[in-house]
Amino acid sequence: MTAQTGTPQTVTTSYKVSGMSCGHCEGSVSAELSALPGVSSVKAVASTGEVTVVSAAPLDEEAVRAAVDEAGFELVGTV
């Protein structure tokens, strides 16, 4: 028997994004990814190009790619 806690299950995925160079870039990528259904948090780090996304379920990579493209950057892949 599996015990359930009050905390819902989440999925954390790290992506590599090219082209980010400043805090404004981080904000743009974070805003676009945060708008995807099920996303609860996004942390973008321009210096490493890494973007960590916490969501209720695994995200469709094409949806992530489209959101990153909309922000003006390129999704390289997962880390």
C-alpha atoms as a PDB file:
ATOM      1  CA  MET A   1       0.000   0.000   0.000  1.00  0.00           C
ATOM      2  CA  THR A   2       1.309   3.433  -0.955  1.00  0.00           C
ATOM      3  CA  ALA A   3       0.938   6.287   1.484  1.00  0.00           C
ATOM      4  CA  GLN A   4      -0.003   9.646   0.046  1.00  0.00           C
ATOM      5  CA  THR A   5       1.251  12.871   1.530  1.00  0.00           C
ATOM      6  CA  GLY A   6      -0.240  16.330   1.176  1.00  0.00           C
ATOM      7  CA  THR A   7       2.447  17.237  -1.359  1.00  0.00           C
ATOM      8  CA  PRO A   8       1.631  16.569  -5.012  1.00  0.00           C
ATOM      9  CA  GLN A   9       4.175  14.747  -7.152  1.00  0.00           C
ATOM     10  CA  THR A  10       6.405  16.984  -9.248  1.00  0.00           C
ATOM     11  CA  VAL A  11       8.904  16.516 -12.041  1.00  0.00           C
ATOM     12  CA  THR A  12      12.130  18.549 -12.187  1.00  0.00           C
ATOM     13  CA  THR A  13      13.818  18.855 -15.587  1.00  0.00           C
ATOM     14  CA  SER A  14      16.965  20.798 -16.490  1.00  0.00           C
ATOM     15  CA  TYR A  15      17.380  22.215 -19.979  1.00  0.00           C
ATOM     16  CA  LYS A  16      20.297  23.840 -21.793  1.00  0.00           C
ATOM     17  CA  VAL A  17      19.366  27.115 -23.518  1.00  0.00           C
ATOM     18  CA  SER A  18      21.779  29.061 -25.712  1.00  0.00           C
ATOM     19  CA  GLY A  19      21.885  32.831 -26.066  1.00  0.00           C
ATOM     20  CA  MET A  20      21.057  33.995 -22.529  1.00  0.00           C
ATOM     21  CA  SER A  21      23.504  36.619 -21.296  1.00  0.00           C
ATOM     22  CA  CYS A  22      21.798  38.636 -18.550  1.00  0.00           C
ATOM     23  CA  GLY A  23      19.033  38.835 -15.973  1.00  0.00           C
ATOM     24  CA  HIS A  24      16.592  40.145 -18.564  1.00  0.00           C
ATOM     25  CA  CYS A  25      17.241  37.026 -20.661  1.00  0.00           C
ATOM     26  CA  GLU A  26      16.606  34.840 -17.614  1.00  0.00           C
ATOM     27  CA  GLY A  27      13.338  36.673 -16.978  1.00  0.00           C
ATOM     28  CA  SER A  28      12.161  36.302 -20.572  1.00  0.00           C
ATOM     29  CA  VAL A  29      12.804  32.556 -20.635  1.00  0.00           C
ATOM     30  CA  SER A  30      11.282  32.100 -17.173  1.00  0.00           C
ATOM     31  CA  ALA A  31       8.133  34.013 -18.107  1.00  0.00           C
ATOM     32  CA  GLU A  32       7.513  31.989 -21.280  1.00  0.00           C
ATOM     33  CA  LEU A  33       8.135  28.640 -19.591  1.00  0.00           C
ATOM     34  CA  SER A  34       6.046  29.591 -16.544  1.00  0.00           C
ATOM     35  CA  ALA A  35       3.066  30.056 -18.873  1.00  0.00           C
ATOM     36  CA  LEU A  36       3.114  26.367 -19.865  1.00  0.00           C
ATOM     37  CA  PRO A  37       0.351  24.275 -18.238  1.00  0.00           C
ATOM     38  CA  GLY A  38       1.514  22.447 -15.107  1.00  0.00           C
ATOM     39  CA  VAL A  39       4.698  24.476 -14.550  1.00  0.00           C
ATOM     40  CA  SER A  40       5.082  25.522 -10.919  1.00  0.00           C
ATOM     41  CA  SER A  41       8.562  27.097 -10.988  1.00  0.00           C
ATOM     42  CA  VAL A  42      11.368  28.047 -13.356  1.00  0.00           C
ATOM     43  CA  LYS A  43      14.959  29.013 -12.548  1.00  0.00           C
ATOM     44  CA  ALA A  44      17.094  30.258 -15.432  1.00  0.00           C
ATOM     45  CA  VAL A  45      20.838  30.922 -15.030  1.00  0.00           C
ATOM     46  CA  ALA A  46      22.346  32.953 -17.875  1.00  0.00           C
ATOM     47  CA  SER A  47      25.978  32.241 -16.936  1.00  0.00           C
ATOM     48  CA  THR A  48      25.533  28.475 -17.393  1.00  0.00           C
ATOM     49  CA  GLY A  49      22.641  28.454 -19.853  1.00  0.00           C
ATOM     50  CA  GLU A  50      20.770  26.061 -17.568  1.00  0.00           C
ATOM     51  CA  VAL A  51      17.049  26.334 -16.971  1.00  0.00           C
ATOM     52  CA  THR A  52      15.434  24.177 -14.282  1.00  0.00           C
ATOM     53  CA  VAL A  53      11.691  23.637 -14.567  1.00  0.00           C
ATOM     54  CA  VAL A  54       9.452  22.070 -11.913  1.00  0.00           C
ATOM     55  CA  SER A  55       6.138  20.798 -13.260  1.00  0.00           C
ATOM     56  CA  ALA A  56       3.237  18.572 -12.283  1.00  0.00           C
ATOM     57  CA  ALA A  57       4.074  16.123 -15.096  1.00  0.00           C
ATOM     58  CA  PRO A  58       6.791  15.725 -17.748  1.00  0.00           C
ATOM     59  CA  LEU A  59       6.591  18.525 -20.313  1.00  0.00           C
ATOM     60  CA  ASP A  60       6.371  18.043 -24.062  1.00  0.00           C
ATOM     61  CA  GLU A  61       9.797  19.000 -25.427  1.00  0.00           C
ATOM     62  CA  GLU A  62       8.242  20.712 -28.450  1.00  0.00           C
ATOM     63  CA  ALA A  63       6.173  22.930 -26.132  1.00  0.00           C
ATOM     64  CA  VAL A  64       9.316  23.821 -24.186  1.00  0.00           C
ATOM     65  CA  ARG A  65      11.179  24.511 -27.452  1.00  0.00           C
ATOM     66  CA  ALA A  66       8.352  26.770 -28.676  1.00  0.00           C
ATOM     67  CA  ALA A  67       8.333  28.718 -25.390  1.00  0.00           C
ATOM     68  CA  VAL A  68      12.111  29.199 -25.476  1.00  0.00           C
ATOM     69  CA  ASP A  69      11.907  30.252 -29.144  1.00  0.00           C
ATOM     70  CA  GLU A  70       9.168  32.754 -28.253  1.00  0.00           C
ATOM     71  CA  ALA A  71      11.537  34.276 -25.678  1.00  0.00           C
ATOM     72  CA  GLY A  72      14.148  34.662 -28.429  1.00  0.00           C
ATOM     73  CA  PHE A  73      16.526  31.871 -27.479  1.00  0.00           C
ATOM     74  CA  GLU A  74      17.362  28.322 -28.570  1.00  0.00           C
ATOM     75  CA  LEU A  75      16.672  25.117 -26.673  1.00  0.00           C
ATOM     76  CA  VAL A  76      19.764  22.931 -26.991  1.00  0.00           C
ATOM     77  CA  GLY A  77      18.307  19.972 -25.088  1.00  0.00           C
ATOM     78  CA  THR A  78      18.069  18.481 -21.618  1.00  0.00           C
ATOM     79  CA  VAL A  79      20.996  18.456 -19.208  1.00  0.00           C
END
